[in-house]
C-alpha atoms as a PDB file:
ATOM      1  CA  MET A   1     -55.789  34.162  36.216  1.00  0.00           C
ATOM      2  CA  LEU A   2     -58.354  31.632  37.400  1.00  0.00           C
ATOM      3  CA  ASP A   3     -61.091  30.513  35.003  1.00  0.00           C
ATOM      4  CA  SER A   4     -64.715  30.700  36.208  1.00  0.00           C
ATOM      5  CA  THR A   5     -65.621  27.568  34.206  1.00  0.00           C
ATOM      6  CA  ALA A   6     -62.824  25.520  35.818  1.00  0.00           C
ATOM      7  CA  PRO A   7     -63.966  22.833  38.273  1.00  0.00           C
ATOM      8  CA  ILE A   8     -64.107  22.878  42.055  1.00  0.00           C
ATOM      9  CA  GLY A   9     -62.029  20.076  43.576  1.00  0.00           C
ATOM     10  CA  ILE A  10     -63.328  18.476  46.781  1.00  0.00           C
ATOM     11  CA  PHE A  11     -61.557  15.753  48.739  1.00  0.00           C
ATOM     12  CA  ASP A  12     -62.011  13.611  51.816  1.00  0.00           C
ATOM     13  CA  SER A  13     -60.879  10.220  53.047  1.00  0.00           C
ATOM     14  CA  GLY A  14     -64.234   8.634  52.259  1.00  0.00           C
ATOM     15  CA  ILE A  15     -67.933   9.413  52.016  1.00  0.00           C
ATOM     16  CA  GLY A  16     -68.026  12.122  54.687  1.00  0.00           C
ATOM     17  CA  GLY A  17     -67.022  14.872  52.286  1.00  0.00           C
ATOM     18  CA  MET A  18     -70.009  13.922  50.148  1.00  0.00           C
ATOM     19  CA  THR A  19     -72.151  15.913  52.580  1.00  0.00           C
ATOM     20  CA  VAL A  20     -70.163  19.017  51.639  1.00  0.00           C
ATOM     21  CA  ALA A  21     -70.097  18.129  47.925  1.00  0.00           C
ATOM     22  CA  ARG A  22     -73.871  17.702  47.941  1.00  0.00           C
ATOM     23  CA  ALA A  23     -74.367  21.036  49.714  1.00  0.00           C
ATOM     24  CA  VAL A  24     -72.054  22.765  47.193  1.00  0.00           C
ATOM     25  CA  THR A  25     -73.792  21.296  44.135  1.00  0.00           C
ATOM     26  CA  LYS A  26     -77.218  22.113  45.575  1.00  0.00           C
ATOM     27  CA  LEU A  27     -76.186  25.733  46.147  1.00  0.00           C
ATOM     28  CA  LEU A  28     -74.150  26.046  42.932  1.00  0.00           C
ATOM     29  CA  PRO A  29     -75.687  23.636  40.395  1.00  0.00           C
ATOM     30  CA  LYS A  30     -73.779  25.044  37.405  1.00  0.00           C
ATOM     31  CA  GLU A  31     -70.366  24.463  38.964  1.00  0.00           C
ATOM     32  CA  ASN A  32     -68.286  21.565  37.663  1.00  0.00           C
ATOM     33  CA  THR A  33     -67.023  19.460  40.572  1.00  0.00           C
ATOM     34  CA  ILE A  34     -64.383  16.785  40.978  1.00  0.00           C
ATOM     35  CA  TYR A  35     -64.613  14.678  44.129  1.00  0.00           C
ATOM     36  CA  PHE A  36     -61.650  12.634  45.349  1.00  0.00           C
ATOM     37  CA  GLY A  37     -62.324   9.996  48.000  1.00  0.00           C
ATOM     38  CA  ASP A  38     -59.088   8.636  49.461  1.00  0.00           C
ATOM     39  CA  THR A  39     -60.689   5.274  50.167  1.00  0.00           C
ATOM     40  CA  ALA A  40     -57.307   3.520  50.353  1.00  0.00           C
ATOM     41  CA  HIS A  41     -56.476   5.440  53.535  1.00  0.00           C
ATOM     42  CA  LEU A  42     -59.790   6.032  55.309  1.00  0.00           C
ATOM     43  CA  PRO A  43     -60.482   7.134  57.933  1.00  0.00           C
ATOM     44  CA  TYR A  44     -58.076  10.053  58.385  1.00  0.00           C
ATOM     45  CA  GLY A  45     -59.165  10.615  61.977  1.00  0.00           C
ATOM     46  CA  ASP A  46     -56.777   8.030  63.424  1.00  0.00           C
ATOM     47  CA  LYS A  47     -53.823   8.763  61.115  1.00  0.00           C
ATOM     48  CA  SER A  48     -50.714  10.773  62.004  1.00  0.00           C
ATOM     49  CA  THR A  49     -50.375  14.407  60.971  1.00  0.00           C
ATOM     50  CA  ALA A  50     -47.477  13.503  58.662  1.00  0.00           C
ATOM     51  CA  ALA A  51     -49.503  10.795  56.903  1.00  0.00           C
ATOM     52  CA  ILE A  52     -52.516  13.072  56.377  1.00  0.00           C
ATOM     53  CA  GLN A  53     -50.240  15.802  54.998  1.00  0.00           C
ATOM     54  CA  ALA A  54     -48.684  13.361  52.524  1.00  0.00           C
ATOM     55  CA  TYR A  55     -52.087  12.136  51.308  1.00  0.00           C
ATOM     56  CA  SER A  56     -53.434  15.685  51.042  1.00  0.00           C
ATOM     57  CA  ILE A  57     -50.528  16.973  48.925  1.00  0.00           C
ATOM     58  CA  LYS A  58     -50.848  13.991  46.571  1.00  0.00           C
ATOM     59  CA  ILE A  59     -54.573  14.689  46.140  1.00  0.00           C
ATOM     60  CA  CYS A  60     -54.024  18.421  45.647  1.00  0.00           C
ATOM     61  CA  ASN A  61     -51.627  17.512  42.864  1.00  0.00           C
ATOM     62  CA  VAL A  62     -54.286  15.368  41.183  1.00  0.00           C
ATOM     63  CA  LEU A  63     -56.825  18.185  41.428  1.00  0.00           C
ATOM     64  CA  LEU A  64     -54.350  20.744  40.078  1.00  0.00           C
ATOM     65  CA  GLN A  65     -53.779  18.463  37.092  1.00  0.00           C
ATOM     66  CA  GLN A  66     -57.536  18.771  36.492  1.00  0.00           C
ATOM     67  CA  ASN A  67     -57.143  22.594  36.505  1.00  0.00           C
ATOM     68  CA  CYS A  68     -59.362  23.142  39.546  1.00  0.00           C
ATOM     69  CA  LYS A  69     -59.907  26.809  40.402  1.00  0.00           C
ATOM     70  CA  LEU A  70     -60.620  25.983  44.026  1.00  0.00           C
ATOM     71  CA  ILE A  71     -59.737  23.019  46.249  1.00  0.00           C
ATOM     72  CA  LEU A  72     -61.982  22.318  49.223  1.00  0.00           C
ATOM     73  CA  ILE A  73     -60.536  20.107  51.949  1.00  0.00           C
ATOM     74  CA  ALA A  74     -63.859  18.495  52.891  1.00  0.00           C
ATOM     75  CA  CYS A  75     -62.460  16.758  55.948  1.00  0.00           C
ATOM     76  CA  ASN A  76     -61.919  18.199  59.415  1.00  0.00           C
ATOM     77  CA  SER A  77     -58.923  15.954  60.143  1.00  0.00           C
ATOM     78  CA  ALA A  78     -57.165  17.022  56.936  1.00  0.00           C
ATOM     79  CA  SER A  79     -58.207  20.652  57.463  1.00  0.00           C
ATOM     80  CA  ALA A  80     -56.571  20.554  60.897  1.00  0.00           C
ATOM     81  CA  ALA A  81     -53.429  18.704  59.804  1.00  0.00           C
ATOM     82  CA  ALA A  82     -52.729  19.799  56.242  1.00  0.00           C
ATOM     83  CA  TYR A  83     -54.475  23.075  55.335  1.00  0.00           C
ATOM     84  CA  GLU A  84     -51.483  25.407  55.760  1.00  0.00           C
ATOM     85  CA  LEU A  85     -49.155  23.020  53.941  1.00  0.00           C
ATOM     86  CA  ALA A  86     -51.655  22.473  51.108  1.00  0.00           C
ATOM     87  CA  ARG A  87     -52.204  26.207  50.706  1.00  0.00           C
ATOM     88  CA  GLU A  88     -48.451  26.772  50.476  1.00  0.00           C
ATOM     89  CA  TYR A  89     -48.051  23.908  47.998  1.00  0.00           C
ATOM     90  CA  VAL A  90     -50.904  25.038  45.732  1.00  0.00           C
ATOM     91  CA  GLY A  91     -49.822  28.688  45.821  1.00  0.00           C
ATOM     92  CA  SER A  92     -51.556  30.897  43.273  1.00  0.00           C
ATOM     93  CA  LYS A  93     -52.606  27.986  41.041  1.00  0.00           C
ATOM     94  CA  ALA A  94     -55.903  27.603  42.937  1.00  0.00           C
ATOM     95  CA  ARG A  95     -57.650  28.762  46.099  1.00  0.00           C
ATOM     96  CA  VAL A  96     -57.591  26.285  49.014  1.00  0.00           C
ATOM     97  CA  ILE A  97     -60.482  26.320  51.502  1.00  0.00           C
ATOM     98  CA  ASN A  98     -60.887  24.215  54.644  1.00  0.00           C
ATOM     99  CA  VAL A  99     -64.027  23.244  56.553  1.00  0.00           C
ATOM    100  CA  ILE A 100     -62.976  24.769  59.888  1.00  0.00           C
ATOM    101  CA  ASP A 101     -62.562  28.517  59.252  1.00  0.00           C
ATOM    102  CA  PRO A 102     -66.109  29.058  57.844  1.00  0.00           C
ATOM    103  CA  VAL A 103     -67.557  27.428  60.970  1.00  0.00           C
ATOM    104  CA  VAL A 104     -65.401  29.558  63.281  1.00  0.00           C
ATOM    105  CA  ASP A 105     -66.590  32.676  61.401  1.00  0.00           C
ATOM    106  CA  TYR A 106     -70.206  31.520  61.815  1.00  0.00           C
ATOM    107  CA  ILE A 107     -69.732  31.027  65.559  1.00  0.00           C
ATOM    108  CA  LYS A 108     -68.039  34.398  65.905  1.00  0.00           C
ATOM    109  CA  GLU A 109     -71.171  36.181  64.672  1.00  0.00           C
ATOM    110  CA  ARG A 110     -73.698  34.245  66.759  1.00  0.00           C
ATOM    111  CA  TYR A 111     -72.287  32.784  69.973  1.00  0.00           C
ATOM    112  CA  GLU A 112     -70.474  35.508  71.895  1.00  0.00           C
ATOM    113  CA  GLY A 113     -70.415  34.671  75.595  1.00  0.00           C
ATOM    114  CA  LYS A 114     -71.982  31.251  75.030  1.00  0.00           C
ATOM    115  CA  THR A 115     -70.958  27.616  75.468  1.00  0.00           C
ATOM    116  CA  VAL A 116     -70.405  25.626  72.290  1.00  0.00           C
ATOM    117  CA  GLY A 117     -69.838  21.888  71.989  1.00  0.00           C
ATOM    118  CA  LEU A 118     -67.691  20.069  69.439  1.00  0.00           C
ATOM    119  CA  ILE A 119     -67.616  16.420  68.455  1.00  0.00           C
ATOM    120  CA  GLY A 120     -65.058  15.092  65.979  1.00  0.00           C
ATOM    121  CA  THR A 121     -62.310  12.570  65.327  1.00  0.00           C
ATOM    122  CA  LYS A 122     -59.333  12.189  67.650  1.00  0.00           C
ATOM    123  CA  GLN A 123     -57.145  14.000  65.095  1.00  0.00           C
ATOM    124  CA  THR A 124     -59.474  17.017  64.962  1.00  0.00           C
ATOM    125  CA  VAL A 125     -60.133  17.277  68.701  1.00  0.00           C
ATOM    126  CA  LEU A 126     -56.568  16.610  69.866  1.00  0.00           C
ATOM    127  CA  SER A 127     -55.198  19.141  67.377  1.00  0.00           C
ATOM    128  CA  ASN A 128     -57.055  21.832  69.383  1.00  0.00           C
ATOM    129  CA  VAL A 129     -57.487  23.745  66.113  1.00  0.00           C
ATOM    130  CA  TYR A 130     -61.078  24.766  66.898  1.00  0.00           C
ATOM    131  CA  LYS A 131     -60.187  25.851  70.434  1.00  0.00           C
ATOM    132  CA  LYS A 132     -57.219  27.937  69.289  1.00  0.00           C
ATOM    133  CA  LYS A 133     -59.235  29.690  66.594  1.00  0.00           C
ATOM    134  CA  ILE A 134     -62.267  30.288  68.830  1.00  0.00           C
ATOM    135  CA  ASP A 135     -60.126  31.542  71.737  1.00  0.00           C
ATOM    136  CA  ALA A 136     -58.418  33.940  69.322  1.00  0.00           C
ATOM    137  CA  LEU A 137     -61.798  35.555  68.597  1.00  0.00           C
ATOM    138  CA  ASN A 138     -61.868  37.056  72.121  1.00  0.00           C
ATOM    139  CA  ARG A 139     -65.647  36.637  72.267  1.00  0.00           C
ATOM    140  CA  ALA A 140     -65.793  34.810  75.623  1.00  0.00           C
ATOM    141  CA  ILE A 141     -66.938  31.631  73.880  1.00  0.00           C
ATOM    142  CA  LEU A 142     -66.384  28.456  75.912  1.00  0.00           C
ATOM    143  CA  LEU A 143     -65.688  25.406  73.739  1.00  0.00           C
ATOM    144  CA  LYS A 144     -66.305  21.922  75.120  1.00  0.00           C
ATOM    145  CA  SER A 145     -64.779  19.234  72.896  1.00  0.00           C
ATOM    146  CA  LEU A 146     -65.229  15.467  72.813  1.00  0.00           C
ATOM    147  CA  ALA A 147     -63.491  12.966  70.537  1.00  0.00           C
ATOM    148  CA  THR A 148     -66.050  10.533  69.112  1.00  0.00           C
ATOM    149  CA  PRO A 149     -63.873   8.039  67.196  1.00  0.00           C
ATOM    150  CA  LEU A 150     -66.529   5.370  66.623  1.00  0.00           C
ATOM    151  CA  LEU A 151     -68.906   7.628  64.695  1.00  0.00           C
ATOM    152  CA  ALA A 152     -67.060   7.960  61.359  1.00  0.00           C
ATOM    153  CA  PRO A 153     -66.378   4.220  60.872  1.00  0.00           C
ATOM    154  CA  MET A 154     -69.936   3.491  62.037  1.00  0.00           C
ATOM    155  CA  ILE A 155     -71.276   5.784  59.305  1.00  0.00           C
ATOM    156  CA  GLU A 156     -68.867   4.384  56.692  1.00  0.00           C
ATOM    157  CA  GLU A 157     -70.315   0.935  57.450  1.00  0.00           C
ATOM    158  CA  GLY A 158     -73.857   2.193  56.927  1.00  0.00           C
ATOM    159  CA  PHE A 159     -75.028   2.283  60.560  1.00  0.00           C
ATOM    160  CA  VAL A 160     -76.836   5.615  60.411  1.00  0.00           C
ATOM    161  CA  ASP A 161     -80.416   5.065  61.519  1.00  0.00           C
ATOM    162  CA  ASN A 162     -80.830   2.045  63.785  1.00  0.00           C
ATOM    163  CA  THR A 163     -80.591   1.003  67.427  1.00  0.00           C
ATOM    164  CA  ILE A 164     -76.818   0.453  67.191  1.00  0.00           C
ATOM    165  CA  SER A 165     -76.100   3.996  66.003  1.00  0.00           C
ATOM    166  CA  GLU A 166     -78.675   5.402  68.418  1.00  0.00           C
ATOM    167  CA  SER A 167     -76.937   3.710  71.347  1.00  0.00           C
ATOM    168  CA  ILE A 168     -73.437   4.887  70.348  1.00  0.00           C
ATOM    169  CA  ILE A 169     -74.626   8.465  69.700  1.00  0.00           C
ATOM    170  CA  ALA A 170     -76.425   8.612  73.063  1.00  0.00           C
ATOM    171  CA  ARG A 171     -73.349   7.267  74.836  1.00  0.00           C
ATOM    172  CA  TYR A 172     -71.168  10.033  73.433  1.00  0.00           C
ATOM    173  CA  LEU A 173     -73.638  12.913  73.782  1.00  0.00           C
ATOM    174  CA  SER A 174     -74.367  12.033  77.417  1.00  0.00           C
ATOM    175  CA  ASP A 175     -70.681  12.453  78.284  1.00  0.00           C
ATOM    176  CA  PRO A 176     -70.217  14.998  81.111  1.00  0.00           C
ATOM    177  CA  GLU A 177     -67.810  16.967  78.924  1.00  0.00           C
ATOM    178  CA  LEU A 178     -70.710  18.123  76.741  1.00  0.00           C
ATOM    179  CA  GLN A 179     -73.027  19.209  79.545  1.00  0.00           C
ATOM    180  CA  GLY A 180     -74.368  22.771  79.385  1.00  0.00           C
ATOM    181  CA  ILE A 181     -73.707  23.401  75.694  1.00  0.00           C
ATOM    182  CA  GLU A 182     -76.033  25.690  73.710  1.00  0.00           C
ATOM    183  CA  SER A 183     -74.928  24.566  70.255  1.00  0.00           C
ATOM    184  CA  LEU A 184     -72.986  21.604  68.863  1.00  0.00           C
ATOM    185  CA  ILE A 185     -70.479  21.688  66.012  1.00  0.00           C
ATOM    186  CA  LEU A 186     -70.570  18.522  63.924  1.00  0.00           C
ATOM    187  CA  GLY A 187     -66.792  18.551  63.581  1.00  0.00           C
ATOM    188  CA  CYS A 188     -66.574  15.780  61.008  1.00  0.00           C
ATOM    189  CA  THR A 189     -68.136  15.865  57.554  1.00  0.00           C
ATOM    190  CA  HIS A 190     -69.559  12.376  58.144  1.00  0.00           C
ATOM    191  CA  TYR A 191     -71.742  13.597  60.992  1.00  0.00           C
ATOM    192  CA  PRO A 192     -74.503  15.383  59.017  1.00  0.00           C
ATOM    193  CA  LEU A 193     -75.556  11.848  58.035  1.00  0.00           C
ATOM    194  CA  ILE A 194     -76.595  11.268  61.661  1.00  0.00           C
ATOM    195  CA  LYS A 195     -77.840  14.815  62.269  1.00  0.00           C
ATOM    196  CA  LYS A 196     -81.424  13.615  62.633  1.00  0.00           C
ATOM    197  CA  GLN A 197     -80.539  11.279  65.502  1.00  0.00           C
ATOM    198  CA  ILE A 198     -78.375  13.920  67.187  1.00  0.00           C
ATOM    199  CA  ARG A 199     -81.235  16.406  66.923  1.00  0.00           C
ATOM    200  CA  GLN A 200     -83.650  13.849  68.365  1.00  0.00           C
ATOM    201  CA  TYR A 201     -81.350  13.350  71.348  1.00  0.00           C
ATOM    202  CA  TYR A 202     -81.252  17.062  72.182  1.00  0.00           C
ATOM    203  CA  GLY A 203     -84.719  18.107  71.037  1.00  0.00           C
ATOM    204  CA  ASP A 204     -84.800  21.905  70.743  1.00  0.00           C
ATOM    205  CA  ALA A 205     -82.368  22.453  73.621  1.00  0.00           C
ATOM    206  CA  VAL A 206     -79.208  22.589  71.486  1.00  0.00           C
ATOM    207  CA  GLU A 207     -78.672  24.053  68.008  1.00  0.00           C
ATOM    208  CA  ILE A 208     -76.931  21.570  65.718  1.00  0.00           C
ATOM    209  CA  LEU A 209     -74.419  23.262  63.408  1.00  0.00           C
ATOM    210  CA  ASP A 210     -74.342  21.445  60.057  1.00  0.00           C
ATOM    211  CA  THR A 211     -70.879  22.361  58.841  1.00  0.00           C
ATOM    212  CA  SER A 212     -71.553  21.214  55.263  1.00  0.00           C
ATOM    213  CA  GLU A 213     -74.149  23.951  54.717  1.00  0.00           C
ATOM    214  CA  ILE A 214     -72.023  26.625  56.413  1.00  0.00           C
ATOM    215  CA  VAL A 215     -68.992  25.707  54.274  1.00  0.00           C
ATOM    216  CA  ALA A 216     -71.017  25.713  51.039  1.00  0.00           C
ATOM    217  CA  GLN A 217     -72.300  29.221  51.804  1.00  0.00           C
ATOM    218  CA  SER A 218     -68.752  30.426  52.505  1.00  0.00           C
ATOM    219  CA  LEU A 219     -67.469  28.881  49.276  1.00  0.00           C
ATOM    220  CA  ARG A 220     -70.177  30.591  47.233  1.00  0.00           C
ATOM    221  CA  ALA A 221     -69.400  33.946  48.885  1.00  0.00           C
ATOM    222  CA  TRP A 222     -65.710  33.616  47.927  1.00  0.00           C
ATOM    223  CA  LEU A 223     -66.545  32.732  44.306  1.00  0.00           C
ATOM    224  CA  GLU A 224     -68.931  35.690  44.063  1.00  0.00           C
ATOM    225  CA  GLN A 225     -66.373  38.051  45.593  1.00  0.00           C
ATOM    226  CA  HIS A 226     -63.774  37.001  43.018  1.00  0.00           C
ATOM    227  CA  TYR A 227     -66.170  36.839  40.033  1.00  0.00           C
ATOM    228  CA  LEU A 228     -65.538  33.120  39.617  1.00  0.00           C
ATOM    229  CA  ILE A 229     -69.119  31.793  39.659  1.00  0.00           C
ATOM    230  CA  ASN A 230     -69.686  29.530  36.656  1.00  0.00           C
ATOM    231  CA  THR A 231     -72.754  30.638  34.686  1.00  0.00           C
ATOM    232  CA  LYS A 232     -72.316  28.246  31.753  1.00  0.00           C
ATOM    233  CA  GLY A 233     -73.514  24.684  31.289  1.00  0.00           C
ATOM    234  CA  GLU A 234     -75.288  22.331  33.657  1.00  0.00           C
ATOM    235  CA  GLY A 235     -72.523  21.297  36.021  1.00  0.00           C
ATOM    236  CA  LYS A 236     -70.484  18.138  35.479  1.00  0.00           C
ATOM    237  CA  ARG A 237     -69.700  15.745  38.343  1.00  0.00           C
ATOM    238  CA  ASP A 238     -66.584  13.564  38.320  1.00  0.00           C
ATOM    239  CA  PHE A 239     -65.586  11.133  41.054  1.00  0.00           C
ATOM    240  CA  TYR A 240     -62.145   9.692  41.766  1.00  0.00           C
ATOM    241  CA  VAL A 241     -61.139   7.141  44.384  1.00  0.00           C
ATOM    242  CA  SER A 242     -57.716   5.893  45.450  1.00  0.00           C
ATOM    243  CA  ASP A 243     -59.143   2.380  45.947  1.00  0.00           C
ATOM    244  CA  TYR A 244     -62.338   1.228  44.223  1.00  0.00           C
ATOM    245  CA  THR A 245     -65.028  -0.249  46.475  1.00  0.00           C
ATOM    246  CA  GLN A 246     -68.579  -1.126  45.522  1.00  0.00           C
ATOM    247  CA  SER A 247     -69.888   0.254  48.819  1.00  0.00           C
ATOM    248  CA  PHE A 248     -68.390   3.673  48.030  1.00  0.00           C
ATOM    249  CA  GLU A 249     -69.978   3.643  44.597  1.00  0.00           C
ATOM    250  CA  MET A 250     -73.355   2.829  46.167  1.00  0.00           C
ATOM    251  CA  SER A 251     -72.893   5.622  48.708  1.00  0.00           C
ATOM    252  CA  THR A 252     -72.218   8.210  46.003  1.00  0.00           C
ATOM    253  CA  GLN A 253     -75.404   7.146  44.213  1.00  0.00           C
ATOM    254  CA  LEU A 254     -77.379   7.620  47.439  1.00  0.00           C
ATOM    255  CA  PHE A 255     -75.999  11.140  47.796  1.00  0.00           C
ATOM    256  CA  PHE A 256     -76.566  12.276  44.229  1.00  0.00           C
ATOM    257  CA  GLY A 257     -79.579  10.163  43.268  1.00  0.00           C
ATOM    258  CA  LYS A 258     -78.223   8.805  40.005  1.00  0.00           C
ATOM    259  CA  GLN A 259     -75.759   6.359  38.518  1.00  0.00           C
ATOM    260  CA  ILE A 260     -72.198   7.392  39.345  1.00  0.00           C
ATOM    261  CA  THR A 261     -69.020   6.272  37.575  1.00  0.00           C
ATOM    262  CA  LEU A 262     -65.927   6.130  39.762  1.00  0.00           C
ATOM    263  CA  SER A 263     -62.472   6.642  38.248  1.00  0.00           C
ATOM    264  CA  HIS A 264     -59.752   4.695  40.036  1.00  0.00           C
ATOM    265  CA  TYR A 265     -56.699   6.855  40.702  1.00  0.00           C
ATOM    266  CA  PRO A 266     -54.196   5.215  43.083  1.00  0.00           C
ATOM    267  CA  LEU A 267     -52.081   7.776  44.912  1.00  0.00           C
ATOM    268  CA  TRP A 268     -49.083   5.441  45.046  1.00  0.00           C
ATOM    269  CA  GLU A 269     -48.382   2.875  42.380  1.00  0.00           C
END
């Protein structure tokens, strides 16, 4: 029996999952959250499926030790590579949620017969996980996907609102593969950090789908459905990293607007 006061575990390779964590805490301020940033292995987008699965299981184990009621894989690459394995590993000890299925459900309700774009890491795009799931909807939705491997490391290095990022974003979005789209899935949890520039590029011509907000809404709906919303306390935030870096600590403070203490938890000794 899961405990409503137990924490929500959220993990990603780096700061990208912070966009989801922030959306969750904004929507559910009383929930206790534990964030694990696998900074020793970032980014996941250029890692093998086997490597991502190994990292993900290790992190799930850490979060289970913290008695998490729900584990959110706040990374598209890990959601594509390790979700099924993580769900099997965790079993009934906690619910496992990925960041792909809520977005597919959102598209299902709104984009029948339309053309949707997707940008993401090589791991996410080459896995074809979005295409398979969207094709399975049988809603005549055409998905146009483009791997954008420079964006996540660019964001990790802090290039989010300058001429360098503007040039790289424009180069990707002008690719012929994305022509004719009516909406664009930000298929990496880093990308909401450059949503403003992406929106400026398209103007009002293309709807930008912020996956962090969609996932947070889906997570809340599941908690409500299973009577697991925490109604006690103020909501505690804990942060773990597999490799301590000052830049990551500064990034977490930018996201949550206050002093953050990182706990170092190496996945392999």
